[in-house]
N, C-alpha and C. Protein backbone atom coordinates (compact mmCIF):
# COMPACT_ATOMS: atom_id res chain seq x y z
N MET A 1 -44.04 -5.91 0.60
CA MET A 1 -43.89 -7.07 -0.25
C MET A 1 -42.62 -6.97 -1.09
N LEU A 2 -42.39 -5.79 -1.67
CA LEU A 2 -41.20 -5.59 -2.50
C LEU A 2 -39.92 -5.76 -1.68
N ARG A 3 -39.94 -5.33 -0.43
CA ARG A 3 -38.79 -5.47 0.45
C ARG A 3 -38.45 -6.95 0.66
N LYS A 4 -39.47 -7.78 0.82
CA LYS A 4 -39.25 -9.22 1.01
C LYS A 4 -38.66 -9.86 -0.25
N ILE A 5 -39.14 -9.43 -1.40
CA ILE A 5 -38.63 -9.97 -2.66
C ILE A 5 -37.17 -9.58 -2.84
N LYS A 6 -36.83 -8.31 -2.54
CA LYS A 6 -35.45 -7.86 -2.64
C LYS A 6 -34.54 -8.62 -1.68
N ALA A 7 -35.00 -8.85 -0.46
CA ALA A 7 -34.22 -9.59 0.52
C ALA A 7 -34.01 -11.03 0.06
N PHE A 8 -35.05 -11.64 -0.48
CA PHE A 8 -34.94 -13.00 -1.00
C PHE A 8 -33.94 -13.06 -2.15
N TRP A 9 -34.05 -12.10 -3.08
CA TRP A 9 -33.16 -12.09 -4.23
C TRP A 9 -31.71 -11.87 -3.80
N GLN A 10 -31.49 -11.01 -2.81
CA GLN A 10 -30.14 -10.80 -2.31
C GLN A 10 -29.60 -12.08 -1.68
N GLY A 11 -30.44 -12.82 -0.99
CA GLY A 11 -30.03 -14.11 -0.43
C GLY A 11 -29.62 -15.10 -1.51
N VAL A 12 -30.39 -15.14 -2.59
CA VAL A 12 -30.06 -16.03 -3.71
C VAL A 12 -28.72 -15.63 -4.32
N ARG A 13 -28.51 -14.33 -4.51
CA ARG A 13 -27.24 -13.86 -5.07
C ARG A 13 -26.06 -14.22 -4.17
N THR A 14 -26.23 -14.10 -2.87
CA THR A 14 -25.16 -14.43 -1.94
C THR A 14 -24.86 -15.92 -1.97
N LEU A 15 -25.89 -16.73 -1.93
CA LEU A 15 -25.69 -18.19 -1.95
C LEU A 15 -25.04 -18.67 -3.24
N SER A 16 -25.37 -18.03 -4.35
CA SER A 16 -24.82 -18.46 -5.64
C SER A 16 -23.45 -17.86 -5.92
N GLY A 17 -23.04 -16.85 -5.15
CA GLY A 17 -21.76 -16.19 -5.38
C GLY A 17 -21.84 -15.07 -6.39
N ASP A 18 -23.04 -14.75 -6.84
CA ASP A 18 -23.23 -13.72 -7.85
C ASP A 18 -22.81 -12.34 -7.35
N ASP A 19 -22.90 -12.11 -6.04
CA ASP A 19 -22.54 -10.80 -5.50
C ASP A 19 -21.14 -10.80 -4.89
N ALA A 20 -20.33 -11.79 -5.21
CA ALA A 20 -19.00 -11.92 -4.61
C ALA A 20 -18.13 -10.69 -4.90
N TYR A 21 -18.17 -10.17 -6.11
CA TYR A 21 -17.33 -9.02 -6.44
C TYR A 21 -17.78 -7.77 -5.67
N GLU A 22 -19.08 -7.57 -5.55
CA GLU A 22 -19.57 -6.43 -4.79
C GLU A 22 -19.16 -6.54 -3.32
N ARG A 23 -19.23 -7.74 -2.77
CA ARG A 23 -18.81 -7.94 -1.38
C ARG A 23 -17.31 -7.71 -1.23
N TYR A 24 -16.52 -8.15 -2.23
CA TYR A 24 -15.08 -7.92 -2.23
C TYR A 24 -14.77 -6.42 -2.23
N LEU A 25 -15.46 -5.65 -3.09
CA LEU A 25 -15.22 -4.22 -3.15
C LEU A 25 -15.56 -3.54 -1.83
N LYS A 26 -16.65 -3.96 -1.20
CA LYS A 26 -17.02 -3.38 0.09
C LYS A 26 -15.96 -3.71 1.14
N HIS A 27 -15.51 -4.97 1.17
CA HIS A 27 -14.46 -5.37 2.11
C HIS A 27 -13.18 -4.58 1.84
N TYR A 28 -12.83 -4.42 0.58
CA TYR A 28 -11.62 -3.69 0.21
C TYR A 28 -11.70 -2.24 0.70
N ALA A 29 -12.84 -1.61 0.46
CA ALA A 29 -13.02 -0.22 0.88
C ALA A 29 -12.98 -0.09 2.40
N ASP A 30 -13.54 -1.05 3.10
CA ASP A 30 -13.60 -1.01 4.57
C ASP A 30 -12.25 -1.31 5.22
N HIS A 31 -11.44 -2.18 4.60
CA HIS A 31 -10.25 -2.67 5.28
C HIS A 31 -8.92 -2.38 4.60
N HIS A 32 -8.91 -2.03 3.33
CA HIS A 32 -7.65 -1.91 2.62
C HIS A 32 -7.41 -0.55 1.96
N ALA A 33 -8.40 0.26 1.84
CA ALA A 33 -8.25 1.57 1.21
C ALA A 33 -8.02 2.62 2.30
N ASP A 34 -6.79 2.67 2.79
CA ASP A 34 -6.48 3.63 3.85
C ASP A 34 -5.04 4.12 3.71
N ALA A 35 -4.57 4.85 4.69
CA ALA A 35 -3.23 5.42 4.64
C ALA A 35 -2.13 4.36 4.64
N GLU A 36 -2.42 3.18 5.16
CA GLU A 36 -1.42 2.09 5.17
C GLU A 36 -1.15 1.55 3.78
N HIS A 37 -2.09 1.69 2.88
CA HIS A 37 -1.97 1.15 1.53
C HIS A 37 -2.18 2.26 0.49
N PRO A 38 -1.30 3.26 0.48
CA PRO A 38 -1.50 4.37 -0.46
C PRO A 38 -1.35 3.91 -1.91
N GLY A 39 -2.26 4.34 -2.74
CA GLY A 39 -2.21 4.00 -4.16
C GLY A 39 -2.66 2.60 -4.49
N ALA A 40 -3.02 1.81 -3.50
CA ALA A 40 -3.47 0.44 -3.76
C ALA A 40 -4.83 0.47 -4.45
N GLN A 41 -5.01 -0.42 -5.39
CA GLN A 41 -6.26 -0.51 -6.14
C GLN A 41 -6.84 -1.91 -5.98
N PRO A 42 -8.17 -2.01 -5.90
CA PRO A 42 -8.77 -3.35 -5.86
C PRO A 42 -8.59 -4.05 -7.20
N LEU A 43 -8.74 -5.36 -7.18
CA LEU A 43 -8.66 -6.14 -8.41
C LEU A 43 -9.81 -5.74 -9.34
N SER A 44 -9.57 -5.84 -10.63
CA SER A 44 -10.66 -5.63 -11.59
C SER A 44 -11.62 -6.82 -11.45
N LYS A 45 -12.78 -6.69 -12.03
CA LYS A 45 -13.76 -7.77 -11.96
C LYS A 45 -13.20 -9.05 -12.60
N ALA A 46 -12.52 -8.91 -13.73
CA ALA A 46 -11.94 -10.08 -14.41
C ALA A 46 -10.84 -10.70 -13.56
N GLU A 47 -9.97 -9.87 -12.98
CA GLU A 47 -8.89 -10.39 -12.13
C GLU A 47 -9.46 -11.09 -10.89
N PHE A 48 -10.49 -10.48 -10.31
CA PHE A 48 -11.11 -11.06 -9.12
C PHE A 48 -11.67 -12.45 -9.42
N PHE A 49 -12.43 -12.59 -10.49
CA PHE A 49 -13.04 -13.88 -10.79
C PHE A 49 -12.01 -14.91 -11.22
N LYS A 50 -10.93 -14.48 -11.87
CA LYS A 50 -9.85 -15.42 -12.21
C LYS A 50 -9.22 -15.95 -10.93
N GLN A 51 -8.91 -15.05 -9.99
CA GLN A 51 -8.32 -15.47 -8.71
C GLN A 51 -9.30 -16.36 -7.94
N TRP A 52 -10.58 -16.01 -7.95
CA TRP A 52 -11.60 -16.77 -7.23
C TRP A 52 -11.69 -18.20 -7.78
N GLN A 53 -11.70 -18.32 -9.11
CA GLN A 53 -11.76 -19.64 -9.74
C GLN A 53 -10.47 -20.43 -9.48
N ASP A 54 -9.33 -19.78 -9.55
CA ASP A 54 -8.06 -20.46 -9.29
C ASP A 54 -8.04 -21.02 -7.87
N GLU A 55 -8.49 -20.22 -6.89
CA GLU A 55 -8.52 -20.69 -5.50
C GLU A 55 -9.52 -21.81 -5.32
N LYS A 56 -10.66 -21.70 -5.98
CA LYS A 56 -11.71 -22.71 -5.86
C LYS A 56 -11.26 -24.06 -6.39
N TRP A 57 -10.53 -24.06 -7.51
CA TRP A 57 -10.16 -25.31 -8.17
C TRP A 57 -8.73 -25.75 -7.91
N HIS A 58 -7.97 -24.99 -7.13
CA HIS A 58 -6.59 -25.35 -6.81
C HIS A 58 -6.56 -26.69 -6.07
N GLY A 59 -5.75 -27.58 -6.55
CA GLY A 59 -5.60 -28.87 -5.88
C GLY A 59 -6.50 -29.97 -6.42
N ILE A 60 -7.48 -29.62 -7.23
CA ILE A 60 -8.36 -30.64 -7.81
C ILE A 60 -7.68 -31.18 -9.06
N ARG A 61 -7.43 -32.47 -9.07
CA ARG A 61 -6.67 -33.08 -10.16
C ARG A 61 -7.49 -34.02 -11.02
N ARG A 62 -8.77 -34.08 -10.80
CA ARG A 62 -9.61 -35.00 -11.59
C ARG A 62 -10.84 -34.25 -12.08
N CYS A 63 -11.47 -34.80 -13.08
CA CYS A 63 -12.63 -34.10 -13.63
C CYS A 63 -13.93 -34.56 -13.00
N CYS A 64 -14.00 -35.76 -12.49
CA CYS A 64 -15.27 -36.29 -11.99
C CYS A 64 -15.15 -36.89 -10.62
């Protein structure tokens, strides 16, 4: 039962974007933290969400 609740909650977090930073860090570790990118660091949580919001709202020129 607890496993189903955890899976449901993870689905809610994914749909809402709440786990976006954790997914970004996993992607970064899997694809960008290697010998090709020595010394590269992932974005901080604040930098990540600023970039995410900028991309989300880029091009929108009206409020409603």
